[in-house]
Amino acid sequence: MSDAEIASNECQSADIVIAQGGGGSGAVGHGMGVSGGGGSGAAVPSSRFRPRYRQLTDAEKALHDEIKSKAQELEALINQVPNGRYLSLALTDLESAVMWTVKAVTA
């Protein structure tokens, strides 16, 4: 068997292990975990891709809306500076900050 055939077989084997949910402690396994079941004691599988969203409490909805509102205020203030790379970076980082904050609230 040639080196290319050996490498191909190893890749196919790795694909099968990944598809079956195996693979040890590699990066593939880190996306799936078990999170608390909201105090019920039951483990609930979680995914970094959130295939379903949970119902938010009224307090979480209010916090979400306030975060978005404050971000719009800050965006308006930031947009008063001259156009350029630094403005673009500031707006991109604001978007990222809001995204991660909302993700933390809704997780």
PDB file of N, CA and C in Angstrom:
ATOM      1  N   MET A   1       0.854  -1.176   0.000  1.00  0.00           N
ATOM      2  CA  MET A   1       0.000   0.000   0.000  1.00  0.00           C
ATOM      3  C   MET A   1       0.894   1.232   0.000  1.00  0.00           C
ATOM      4  N   SER A   2       0.556   2.227  -0.832  1.00  0.00           N
ATOM      5  CA  SER A   2       1.357   3.438  -0.927  1.00  0.00           C
ATOM      6  C   SER A   2       1.065   4.375   0.235  1.00  0.00           C
ATOM      7  N   ASP A   3       1.951   5.364   0.414  1.00  0.00           N
ATOM      8  CA  ASP A   3       1.736   6.355   1.476  1.00  0.00           C
ATOM      9  C   ASP A   3       0.425   7.107   1.286  1.00  0.00           C
ATOM     10  N   ALA A   4       0.077   7.411   0.026  1.00  0.00           N
ATOM     11  CA  ALA A   4      -1.159   8.137  -0.263  1.00  0.00           C
ATOM     12  C   ALA A   4      -2.374   7.308   0.126  1.00  0.00           C
ATOM     13  N   GLU A   5      -2.325   5.986  -0.141  1.00  0.00           N
ATOM     14  CA  GLU A   5      -3.444   5.120   0.207  1.00  0.00           C
ATOM     15  C   GLU A   5      -3.589   4.999   1.728  1.00  0.00           C
ATOM     16  N   ILE A   6      -2.462   4.921   2.435  1.00  0.00           N
ATOM     17  CA  ILE A   6      -2.486   4.852   3.892  1.00  0.00           C
ATOM     18  C   ILE A   6      -3.100   6.128   4.468  1.00  0.00           C
ATOM     19  N   ALA A   7      -2.656   7.277   3.957  1.00  0.00           N
ATOM     20  CA  ALA A   7      -3.178   8.557   4.437  1.00  0.00           C
ATOM     21  C   ALA A   7      -4.674   8.671   4.169  1.00  0.00           C
ATOM     22  N   SER A   8      -5.110   8.201   3.005  1.00  0.00           N
ATOM     23  CA  SER A   8      -6.526   8.255   2.648  1.00  0.00           C
ATOM     24  C   SER A   8      -7.342   7.381   3.592  1.00  0.00           C
ATOM     25  N   ASN A   9      -6.853   6.201   3.880  1.00  0.00           N
ATOM     26  CA  ASN A   9      -7.557   5.299   4.788  1.00  0.00           C
ATOM     27  C   ASN A   9      -7.631   5.883   6.193  1.00  0.00           C
ATOM     28  N   GLU A  10      -6.557   6.540   6.653  1.00  0.00           N
ATOM     29  CA  GLU A  10      -6.565   7.155   7.980  1.00  0.00           C
ATOM     30  C   GLU A  10      -7.591   8.274   8.053  1.00  0.00           C
ATOM     31  N   CYS A  11      -7.676   9.072   6.986  1.00  0.00           N
ATOM     32  CA  CYS A  11      -8.656  10.165   6.954  1.00  0.00           C
ATOM     33  C   CYS A  11     -10.072   9.610   6.976  1.00  0.00           C
ATOM     34  N   GLN A  12     -10.326   8.548   6.208  1.00  0.00           N
ATOM     35  CA  GLN A  12     -11.658   7.948   6.190  1.00  0.00           C
ATOM     36  C   GLN A  12     -12.016   7.391   7.558  1.00  0.00           C
ATOM     37  N   SER A  13     -11.050   6.773   8.227  1.00  0.00           N
ATOM     38  CA  SER A  13     -11.294   6.245   9.570  1.00  0.00           C
ATOM     39  C   SER A  13     -11.630   7.371  10.536  1.00  0.00           C
ATOM     40  N   ALA A  14     -10.905   8.477  10.447  1.00  0.00           N
ATOM     41  CA  ALA A  14     -11.168   9.617  11.326  1.00  0.00           C
ATOM     42  C   ALA A  14     -12.551  10.190  11.062  1.00  0.00           C
ATOM     43  N   ASP A  15     -12.954  10.262   9.791  1.00  0.00           N
ATOM     44  CA  ASP A  15     -14.287  10.764   9.453  1.00  0.00           C
ATOM     45  C   ASP A  15     -15.369   9.885  10.058  1.00  0.00           C
ATOM     46  N   ILE A  16     -15.161   8.575  10.050  1.00  0.00           N
ATOM     47  CA  ILE A  16     -16.144   7.656  10.613  1.00  0.00           C
ATOM     48  C   ILE A  16     -16.254   7.866  12.118  1.00  0.00           C
ATOM     49  N   VAL A  17     -15.114   8.001  12.797  1.00  0.00           N
ATOM     50  CA  VAL A  17     -15.117   8.217  14.247  1.00  0.00           C
ATOM     51  C   VAL A  17     -15.840   9.509  14.586  1.00  0.00           C
ATOM     52  N   ILE A  18     -15.570  10.572  13.816  1.00  0.00           N
ATOM     53  CA  ILE A  18     -16.218  11.858  14.061  1.00  0.00           C
ATOM     54  C   ILE A  18     -17.719  11.741  13.815  1.00  0.00           C
ATOM     55  N   ALA A  19     -18.118  11.084  12.730  1.00  0.00           N
ATOM     56  CA  ALA A  19     -19.532  10.935  12.407  1.00  0.00           C
ATOM     57  C   ALA A  19     -20.271  10.133  13.472  1.00  0.00           C
ATOM     58  N   GLN A  20     -19.570   9.208  14.115  1.00  0.00           N
ATOM     59  CA  GLN A  20     -20.198   8.397  15.134  1.00  0.00           C
ATOM     60  C   GLN A  20     -20.197   9.082  16.494  1.00  0.00           C
ATOM     61  N   GLY A  21     -19.607  10.273  16.581  1.00  0.00           N
ATOM     62  CA  GLY A  21     -19.608  11.008  17.834  1.00  0.00           C
ATOM     63  C   GLY A  21     -18.411  10.686  18.701  1.00  0.00           C
ATOM     64  N   GLY A  22     -17.458   9.956  18.172  1.00  0.00           N
ATOM     65  CA  GLY A  22     -16.263   9.611  18.935  1.00  0.00           C
ATOM     66  C   GLY A  22     -15.180  10.628  18.718  1.00  0.00           C
ATOM     67  N   GLY A  23     -13.972  10.226  18.952  1.00  0.00           N
ATOM     68  CA  GLY A  23     -12.870  11.110  18.659  1.00  0.00           C
ATOM     69  C   GLY A  23     -12.171  11.589  19.900  1.00  0.00           C
ATOM     70  N   GLY A  24     -12.516  11.064  21.050  1.00  0.00           N
ATOM     71  CA  GLY A  24     -11.788  11.403  22.265  1.00  0.00           C
ATOM     72  C   GLY A  24     -11.981  12.836  22.668  1.00  0.00           C
ATOM     73  N   SER A  25     -10.874  13.470  23.042  1.00  0.00           N
ATOM     74  CA  SER A  25     -10.964  14.829  23.570  1.00  0.00           C
ATOM     75  C   SER A  25     -10.651  15.869  22.515  1.00  0.00           C
ATOM     76  N   GLY A  26     -10.803  15.527  21.249  1.00  0.00           N
ATOM     77  CA  GLY A  26     -10.515  16.467  20.176  1.00  0.00           C
ATOM     78  C   GLY A  26     -11.513  17.605  20.136  1.00  0.00           C
ATOM     79  N   ALA A  27     -11.285  18.564  19.262  1.00  0.00           N
ATOM     80  CA  ALA A  27     -12.122  19.760  19.172  1.00  0.00           C
ATOM     81  C   ALA A  27     -13.564  19.419  18.833  1.00  0.00           C
ATOM     82  N   VAL A  28     -13.775  18.334  18.108  1.00  0.00           N
ATOM     83  CA  VAL A  28     -15.136  17.983  17.717  1.00  0.00           C
ATOM     84  C   VAL A  28     -15.985  17.717  18.950  1.00  0.00           C
ATOM     85  N   GLY A  29     -15.420  17.067  19.945  1.00  0.00           N
ATOM     86  CA  GLY A  29     -16.159  16.723  21.139  1.00  0.00           C
ATOM     87  C   GLY A  29     -16.498  17.905  22.027  1.00  0.00           C
ATOM     88  N   HIS A  30     -15.811  19.011  21.882  1.00  0.00           N
ATOM     89  CA  HIS A  30     -16.028  20.144  22.765  1.00  0.00           C
ATOM     90  C   HIS A  30     -17.320  20.890  22.482  1.00  0.00           C
ATOM     91  N   GLY A  31     -17.920  20.727  21.318  1.00  0.00           N
ATOM     92  CA  GLY A  31     -19.142  21.444  20.988  1.00  0.00           C
ATOM     93  C   GLY A  31     -20.361  20.886  21.683  1.00  0.00           C
ATOM     94  N   MET A  32     -20.303  19.662  22.123  1.00  0.00           N
ATOM     95  CA  MET A  32     -21.457  19.054  22.762  1.00  0.00           C
ATOM     96  C   MET A  32     -21.141  18.871  24.229  1.00  0.00           C
ATOM     97  N   GLY A  33     -22.071  19.214  25.056  1.00  0.00           N
ATOM     98  CA  GLY A  33     -21.858  19.056  26.477  1.00  0.00           C
ATOM     99  C   GLY A  33     -23.168  18.796  27.152  1.00  0.00           C
ATOM    100  N   VAL A  34     -23.134  18.856  28.429  1.00  0.00           N
ATOM    101  CA  VAL A  34     -24.346  18.676  29.200  1.00  0.00           C
ATOM    102  C   VAL A  34     -24.476  19.878  30.106  1.00  0.00           C
ATOM    103  N   SER A  35     -25.614  20.508  30.055  1.00  0.00           N
ATOM    104  CA  SER A  35     -25.845  21.667  30.902  1.00  0.00           C
ATOM    105  C   SER A  35     -26.934  21.334  31.893  1.00  0.00           C
ATOM    106  N   GLY A  36     -27.047  22.161  32.887  1.00  0.00           N
ATOM    107  CA  GLY A  36     -28.066  21.933  33.909  1.00  0.00           C
ATOM    108  C   GLY A  36     -29.447  22.004  33.326  1.00  0.00           C
ATOM    109  N   GLY A  37     -30.355  21.285  33.910  1.00  0.00           N
ATOM    110  CA  GLY A  37     -31.718  21.222  33.407  1.00  0.00           C
ATOM    111  C   GLY A  37     -32.638  22.212  34.089  1.00  0.00           C
ATOM    112  N   GLY A  38     -32.105  23.355  34.512  1.00  0.00           N
ATOM    113  CA  GLY A  38     -32.951  24.372  35.116  1.00  0.00           C
ATOM    114  C   GLY A  38     -33.406  24.002  36.509  1.00  0.00           C
ATOM    115  N   GLY A  39     -32.562  23.252  37.222  1.00  0.00           N
ATOM    116  CA  GLY A  39     -32.904  22.916  38.592  1.00  0.00           C
ATOM    117  C   GLY A  39     -33.683  21.629  38.732  1.00  0.00           C
ATOM    118  N   SER A  40     -34.057  21.007  37.625  1.00  0.00           N
ATOM    119  CA  SER A  40     -34.838  19.781  37.707  1.00  0.00           C
ATOM    120  C   SER A  40     -33.966  18.574  37.989  1.00  0.00           C
ATOM    121  N   GLY A  41     -32.643  18.737  37.915  1.00  0.00           N
ATOM    122  CA  GLY A  41     -31.731  17.639  38.160  1.00  0.00           C
ATOM    123  C   GLY A  41     -31.462  16.815  36.914  1.00  0.00           C
ATOM    124  N   ALA A  42     -32.231  17.018  35.847  1.00  0.00           N
ATOM    125  CA  ALA A  42     -32.033  16.271  34.614  1.00  0.00           C
ATOM    126  C   ALA A  42     -30.989  16.961  33.757  1.00  0.00           C
ATOM    127  N   ALA A  43     -30.131  16.167  33.133  1.00  0.00           N
ATOM    128  CA  ALA A  43     -29.124  16.705  32.231  1.00  0.00           C
ATOM    129  C   ALA A  43     -29.759  16.952  30.870  1.00  0.00           C
ATOM    130  N   VAL A  44     -29.458  18.096  30.280  1.00  0.00           N
ATOM    131  CA  VAL A  44     -29.995  18.457  28.981  1.00  0.00           C
ATOM    132  C   VAL A  44     -28.827  18.633  28.022  1.00  0.00           C
ATOM    133  N   PRO A  45     -28.807  17.891  26.901  1.00  0.00           N
ATOM    134  CA  PRO A  45     -27.716  18.062  25.947  1.00  0.00           C
ATOM    135  C   PRO A  45     -27.718  19.486  25.399  1.00  0.00           C
ATOM    136  N   SER A  46     -26.533  20.043  25.205  1.00  0.00           N
ATOM    137  CA  SER A  46     -26.442  21.385  24.636  1.00  0.00           C
ATOM    138  C   SER A  46     -25.575  21.346  23.386  1.00  0.00           C
ATOM    139  N   SER A  47     -25.735  22.341  22.560  1.00  0.00           N
ATOM    140  CA  SER A  47     -24.975  22.454  21.326  1.00  0.00           C
ATOM    141  C   SER A  47     -24.547  23.896  21.168  1.00  0.00           C
ATOM    142  N   ARG A  48     -23.337  24.101  20.699  1.00  0.00           N
ATOM    143  CA  ARG A  48     -22.880  25.461  20.480  1.00  0.00           C
ATOM    144  C   ARG A  48     -23.691  26.159  19.398  1.00  0.00           C
ATOM    145  N   PHE A  49     -24.462  25.403  18.622  1.00  0.00           N
ATOM    146  CA  PHE A  49     -25.227  25.984  17.519  1.00  0.00           C
ATOM    147  C   PHE A  49     -26.677  26.252  17.870  1.00  0.00           C
ATOM    148  N   ARG A  50     -27.093  25.985  19.080  1.00  0.00           N
ATOM    149  CA  ARG A  50     -28.436  26.243  19.580  1.00  0.00           C
ATOM    150  C   ARG A  50     -29.521  25.898  18.571  1.00  0.00           C
ATOM    151  N   PRO A  51     -29.819  24.619  18.381  1.00  0.00           N
ATOM    152  CA  PRO A  51     -30.856  24.255  17.418  1.00  0.00           C
ATOM    153  C   PRO A  51     -32.241  24.725  17.849  1.00  0.00           C
ATOM    154  N   ARG A  52     -32.416  24.951  19.155  1.00  0.00           N
ATOM    155  CA  ARG A  52     -33.684  25.472  19.673  1.00  0.00           C
ATOM    156  C   ARG A  52     -33.391  26.596  20.642  1.00  0.00           C
ATOM    157  N   TYR A  53     -34.321  27.515  20.753  1.00  0.00           N
ATOM    158  CA  TYR A  53     -34.164  28.627  21.681  1.00  0.00           C
ATOM    159  C   TYR A  53     -35.105  28.426  22.852  1.00  0.00           C
ATOM    160  N   ARG A  54     -34.673  28.836  24.019  1.00  0.00           N
ATOM    161  CA  ARG A  54     -35.532  28.707  25.189  1.00  0.00           C
ATOM    162  C   ARG A  54     -36.355  29.981  25.352  1.00  0.00           C
ATOM    163  N   GLN A  55     -37.451  29.863  26.065  1.00  0.00           N
ATOM    164  CA  GLN A  55     -38.305  31.010  26.356  1.00  0.00           C
ATOM    165  C   GLN A  55     -37.591  31.908  27.368  1.00  0.00           C
ATOM    166  N   LEU A  56     -37.500  33.191  27.084  1.00  0.00           N
ATOM    167  CA  LEU A  56     -36.860  34.132  27.995  1.00  0.00           C
ATOM    168  C   LEU A  56     -37.856  34.616  29.041  1.00  0.00           C
ATOM    169  N   THR A  57     -37.333  34.912  30.214  1.00  0.00           N
ATOM    170  CA  THR A  57     -38.173  35.502  31.254  1.00  0.00           C
ATOM    171  C   THR A  57     -38.421  36.966  30.906  1.00  0.00           C
ATOM    172  N   ASP A  58     -39.366  37.590  31.569  1.00  0.00           N
ATOM    173  CA  ASP A  58     -39.637  39.011  31.329  1.00  0.00           C
ATOM    174  C   ASP A  58     -38.411  39.859  31.660  1.00  0.00           C
ATOM    175  N   ALA A  59     -37.696  39.496  32.731  1.00  0.00           N
ATOM    176  CA  ALA A  59     -36.493  40.241  33.119  1.00  0.00           C
ATOM    177  C   ALA A  59     -35.413  40.112  32.049  1.00  0.00           C
ATOM    178  N   GLU A  60     -35.265  38.907  31.466  1.00  0.00           N
ATOM    179  CA  GLU A  60     -34.267  38.705  30.409  1.00  0.00           C
ATOM    180  C   GLU A  60     -34.648  39.464  29.144  1.00  0.00           C
ATOM    181  N   LYS A  61     -35.928  39.493  28.822  1.00  0.00           N
ATOM    182  CA  LYS A  61     -36.386  40.260  27.654  1.00  0.00           C
ATOM    183  C   LYS A  61     -36.097  41.747  27.852  1.00  0.00           C
ATOM    184  N   ALA A  62     -36.353  42.251  29.052  1.00  0.00           N
ATOM    185  CA  ALA A  62     -36.108  43.662  29.346  1.00  0.00           C
ATOM    186  C   ALA A  62     -34.615  43.972  29.253  1.00  0.00           C
ATOM    187  N   LEU A  63     -33.773  43.080  29.790  1.00  0.00           N
ATOM    188  CA  LEU A  63     -32.326  43.278  29.718  1.00  0.00           C
ATOM    189  C   LEU A  63     -31.846  43.248  28.271  1.00  0.00           C
ATOM    190  N   HIS A  64     -32.364  42.313  27.491  1.00  0.00           N
ATOM    191  CA  HIS A  64     -32.033  42.219  26.066  1.00  0.00           C
ATOM    192  C   HIS A  64     -32.349  43.523  25.355  1.00  0.00           C
ATOM    193  N   ASP A  65     -33.562  44.037  25.584  1.00  0.00           N
ATOM    194  CA  ASP A  65     -33.993  45.271  24.930  1.00  0.00           C
ATOM    195  C   ASP A  65     -33.150  46.466  25.369  1.00  0.00           C
ATOM    196  N   GLU A  66     -32.785  46.512  26.654  1.00  0.00           N
ATOM    197  CA  GLU A  66     -31.968  47.614  27.153  1.00  0.00           C
ATOM    198  C   GLU A  66     -30.557  47.565  26.559  1.00  0.00           C
ATOM    199  N   ILE A  67     -29.993  46.379  26.440  1.00  0.00           N
ATOM    200  CA  ILE A  67     -28.666  46.236  25.819  1.00  0.00           C
ATOM    201  C   ILE A  67     -28.698  46.756  24.394  1.00  0.00           C
ATOM    202  N   LYS A  68     -29.708  46.351  23.633  1.00  0.00           N
ATOM    203  CA  LYS A  68     -29.820  46.792  22.236  1.00  0.00           C
ATOM    204  C   LYS A  68     -30.032  48.307  22.152  1.00  0.00           C
ATOM    205  N   SER A  69     -30.827  48.855  23.043  1.00  0.00           N
ATOM    206  CA  SER A  69     -31.095  50.289  23.052  1.00  0.00           C
ATOM    207  C   SER A  69     -29.827  51.089  23.357  1.00  0.00           C
ATOM    208  N   LYS A  70     -29.092  50.653  24.381  1.00  0.00           N
ATOM    209  CA  LYS A  70     -27.846  51.342  24.745  1.00  0.00           C
ATOM    210  C   LYS A  70     -26.816  51.228  23.631  1.00  0.00           C
ATOM    211  N   ALA A  71     -26.797  50.087  22.947  1.00  0.00           N
ATOM    212  CA  ALA A  71     -25.867  49.904  21.829  1.00  0.00           C
ATOM    213  C   ALA A  71     -26.185  50.886  20.702  1.00  0.00           C
ATOM    214  N   GLN A  72     -27.474  51.124  20.457  1.00  0.00           N
ATOM    215  CA  GLN A  72     -27.852  52.093  19.422  1.00  0.00           C
ATOM    216  C   GLN A  72     -27.418  53.505  19.819  1.00  0.00           C
ATOM    217  N   GLU A  73     -27.552  53.827  21.101  1.00  0.00           N
ATOM    218  CA  GLU A  73     -27.095  55.140  21.576  1.00  0.00           C
ATOM    219  C   GLU A  73     -25.589  55.285  21.384  1.00  0.00           C
ATOM    220  N   LEU A  74     -24.843  54.253  21.753  1.00  0.00           N
ATOM    221  CA  LEU A  74     -23.387  54.297  21.610  1.00  0.00           C
ATOM    222  C   LEU A  74     -22.976  54.345  20.144  1.00  0.00           C
ATOM    223  N   GLU A  75     -23.700  53.622  19.300  1.00  0.00           N
ATOM    224  CA  GLU A  75     -23.415  53.655  17.861  1.00  0.00           C
ATOM    225  C   GLU A  75     -23.580  55.077  17.314  1.00  0.00           C
ATOM    226  N   ALA A  76     -24.640  55.762  17.719  1.00  0.00           N
ATOM    227  CA  ALA A  76     -24.863  57.133  17.262  1.00  0.00           C
ATOM    228  C   ALA A  76     -23.728  58.049  17.713  1.00  0.00           C
ATOM    229  N   LEU A  77     -23.254  57.849  18.936  1.00  0.00           N
ATOM    230  CA  LEU A  77     -22.145  58.652  19.448  1.00  0.00           C
ATOM    231  C   LEU A  77     -20.850  58.346  18.681  1.00  0.00           C
ATOM    232  N   ILE A  78     -20.584  57.065  18.474  1.00  0.00           N
ATOM    233  CA  ILE A  78     -19.371  56.660  17.745  1.00  0.00           C
ATOM    234  C   ILE A  78     -19.390  57.194  16.320  1.00  0.00           C
ATOM    235  N   ASN A  79     -20.560  57.238  15.699  1.00  0.00           N
ATOM    236  CA  ASN A  79     -20.661  57.711  14.315  1.00  0.00           C
ATOM    237  C   ASN A  79     -20.375  59.205  14.161  1.00  0.00           C
ATOM    238  N   GLN A  80     -20.162  59.917  15.250  1.00  0.00           N
ATOM    239  CA  GLN A  80     -19.810  61.336  15.173  1.00  0.00           C
ATOM    240  C   GLN A  80     -18.321  61.550  14.903  1.00  0.00           C
ATOM    241  N   VAL A  81     -17.514  60.494  15.011  1.00  0.00           N
ATOM    242  CA  VAL A  81     -16.083  60.632  14.740  1.00  0.00           C
ATOM    243  C   VAL A  81     -15.850  60.496  13.239  1.00  0.00           C
ATOM    244  N   PRO A  82     -14.696  61.003  12.754  1.00  0.00           N
ATOM    245  CA  PRO A  82     -14.424  60.941  11.309  1.00  0.00           C
ATOM    246  C   PRO A  82     -14.378  59.497  10.795  1.00  0.00           C
ATOM    247  N   ASN A  83     -14.828  59.324   9.553  1.00  0.00           N
ATOM    248  CA  ASN A  83     -14.778  58.008   8.911  1.00  0.00           C
ATOM    249  C   ASN A  83     -13.343  57.535   8.790  1.00  0.00           C
ATOM    250  N   GLY A  84     -13.171  56.254   8.803  1.00  0.00           N
ATOM    251  CA  GLY A  84     -11.846  55.673   8.639  1.00  0.00           C
ATOM    252  C   GLY A  84     -11.766  54.303   9.280  1.00  0.00           C
ATOM    253  N   ARG A  85     -10.561  53.788   9.280  1.00  0.00           N
ATOM    254  CA  ARG A  85     -10.336  52.442   9.813  1.00  0.00           C
ATOM    255  C   ARG A  85     -10.728  52.330  11.281  1.00  0.00           C
ATOM    256  N   TYR A  86     -10.379  53.332  12.084  1.00  0.00           N
ATOM    257  CA  TYR A  86     -10.670  53.258  13.517  1.00  0.00           C
ATOM    258  C   TYR A  86     -12.175  53.257  13.786  1.00  0.00           C
ATOM    259  N   LEU A  87     -12.918  54.022  13.012  1.00  0.00           N
ATOM    260  CA  LEU A  87     -14.373  54.016  13.147  1.00  0.00           C
ATOM    261  C   LEU A  87     -14.918  52.639  12.804  1.00  0.00           C
ATOM    262  N   SER A  88     -14.434  52.068  11.722  1.00  0.00           N
ATOM    263  CA  SER A  88     -14.884  50.737  11.318  1.00  0.00           C
ATOM    264  C   SER A  88     -14.586  49.698  12.391  1.00  0.00           C
ATOM    265  N   LEU A  89     -13.383  49.776  12.958  1.00  0.00           N
ATOM    266  CA  LEU A  89     -13.011  48.842  14.019  1.00  0.00           C
ATOM    267  C   LEU A  89     -13.902  49.023  15.248  1.00  0.00           C
ATOM    268  N   ALA A  90     -14.182  50.262  15.602  1.00  0.00           N
ATOM    269  CA  ALA A  90     -15.021  50.539  16.767  1.00  0.00           C
ATOM    270  C   ALA A  90     -16.425  49.974  16.570  1.00  0.00           C
ATOM    271  N   LEU A  91     -16.991  50.167  15.388  1.00  0.00           N
ATOM    272  CA  LEU A  91     -18.341  49.666  15.121  1.00  0.00           C
ATOM    273  C   LEU A  91     -18.370  48.138  15.090  1.00  0.00           C
ATOM    274  N   THR A  92     -17.341  47.537  14.509  1.00  0.00           N
ATOM    275  CA  THR A  92     -17.257  46.078  14.484  1.00  0.00           C
ATOM    276  C   THR A  92     -17.165  45.520  15.896  1.00  0.00           C
ATOM    277  N   ASP A  93     -16.343  46.159  16.730  1.00  0.00           N
ATOM    278  CA  ASP A  93     -16.203  45.685  18.103  1.00  0.00           C
ATOM    279  C   ASP A  93     -17.482  45.916  18.914  1.00  0.00           C
ATOM    280  N   LEU A  94     -18.189  46.983  18.630  1.00  0.00           N
ATOM    281  CA  LEU A  94     -19.469  47.210  19.298  1.00  0.00           C
ATOM    282  C   LEU A  94     -20.449  46.100  18.921  1.00  0.00           C
ATOM    283  N   GLU A  95     -20.508  45.762  17.631  1.00  0.00           N
ATOM    284  CA  GLU A  95     -21.377  44.675  17.185  1.00  0.00           C
ATOM    285  C   GLU A  95     -21.017  43.369  17.891  1.00  0.00           C
ATOM    286  N   SER A  96     -19.728  43.091  17.991  1.00  0.00           N
ATOM    287  CA  SER A  96     -19.283  41.867  18.664  1.00  0.00           C
ATOM    288  C   SER A  96     -19.665  41.870  20.138  1.00  0.00           C
ATOM    289  N   ALA A  97     -19.462  42.991  20.788  1.00  0.00           N
ATOM    290  CA  ALA A  97     -19.792  43.091  22.216  1.00  0.00           C
ATOM    291  C   ALA A  97     -21.285  42.863  22.446  1.00  0.00           C
ATOM    292  N   VAL A  98     -22.107  43.449  21.607  1.00  0.00           N
ATOM    293  CA  VAL A  98     -23.556  43.278  21.754  1.00  0.00           C
ATOM    294  C   VAL A  98     -23.936  41.821  21.480  1.00  0.00           C
ATOM    295  N   MET A  99     -23.351  41.241  20.446  1.00  0.00           N
ATOM    296  CA  MET A  99     -23.655  39.856  20.116  1.00  0.00           C
ATOM    297  C   MET A  99     -23.331  38.931  21.291  1.00  0.00           C
ATOM    298  N   TRP A 100     -22.129  39.057  21.857  1.00  0.00           N
ATOM    299  CA  TRP A 100     -21.729  38.181  22.953  1.00  0.00           C
ATOM    300  C   TRP A 100     -22.537  38.442  24.225  1.00  0.00           C
ATOM    301  N   THR A 101     -22.896  39.683  24.453  1.00  0.00           N
ATOM    302  CA  THR A 101     -23.699  39.998  25.630  1.00  0.00           C
ATOM    303  C   THR A 101     -25.097  39.397  25.505  1.00  0.00           C
ATOM    304  N   VAL A 102     -25.700  39.553  24.350  1.00  0.00           N
ATOM    305  CA  VAL A 102     -27.025  38.982  24.133  1.00  0.00           C
ATOM    306  C   VAL A 102     -26.963  37.451  24.191  1.00  0.00           C
ATOM    307  N   LYS A 103     -25.900  36.884  23.653  1.00  0.00           N
ATOM    308  CA  LYS A 103     -25.734  35.434  23.724  1.00  0.00           C
ATOM    309  C   LYS A 103     -25.649  34.968  25.175  1.00  0.00           C
ATOM    310  N   ALA A 104     -24.958  35.741  26.006  1.00  0.00           N
ATOM    311  CA  ALA A 104     -24.853  35.399  27.437  1.00  0.00           C
ATOM    312  C   ALA A 104     -26.219  35.472  28.120  1.00  0.00           C
ATOM    313  N   VAL A 105     -27.008  36.456  27.744  1.00  0.00           N
ATOM    314  CA  VAL A 105     -28.340  36.609  28.351  1.00  0.00           C
ATOM    315  C   VAL A 105     -29.258  35.469  27.924  1.00  0.00           C
ATOM    316  N   THR A 106     -29.176  35.069  26.668  1.00  0.00           N
ATOM    317  CA  THR A 106     -30.127  34.112  26.127  1.00  0.00           C
ATOM    318  C   THR A 106     -29.652  32.667  26.189  1.00  0.00           C
ATOM    319  N   ALA A 107     -28.446  32.436  26.682  1.00  0.00           N
ATOM    320  CA  ALA A 107     -27.899  31.060  26.724  1.00  0.00           C
ATOM    321  C   ALA A 107     -28.667  30.180  27.684  1.00  0.00           C
TER     322      ALA A 107
END
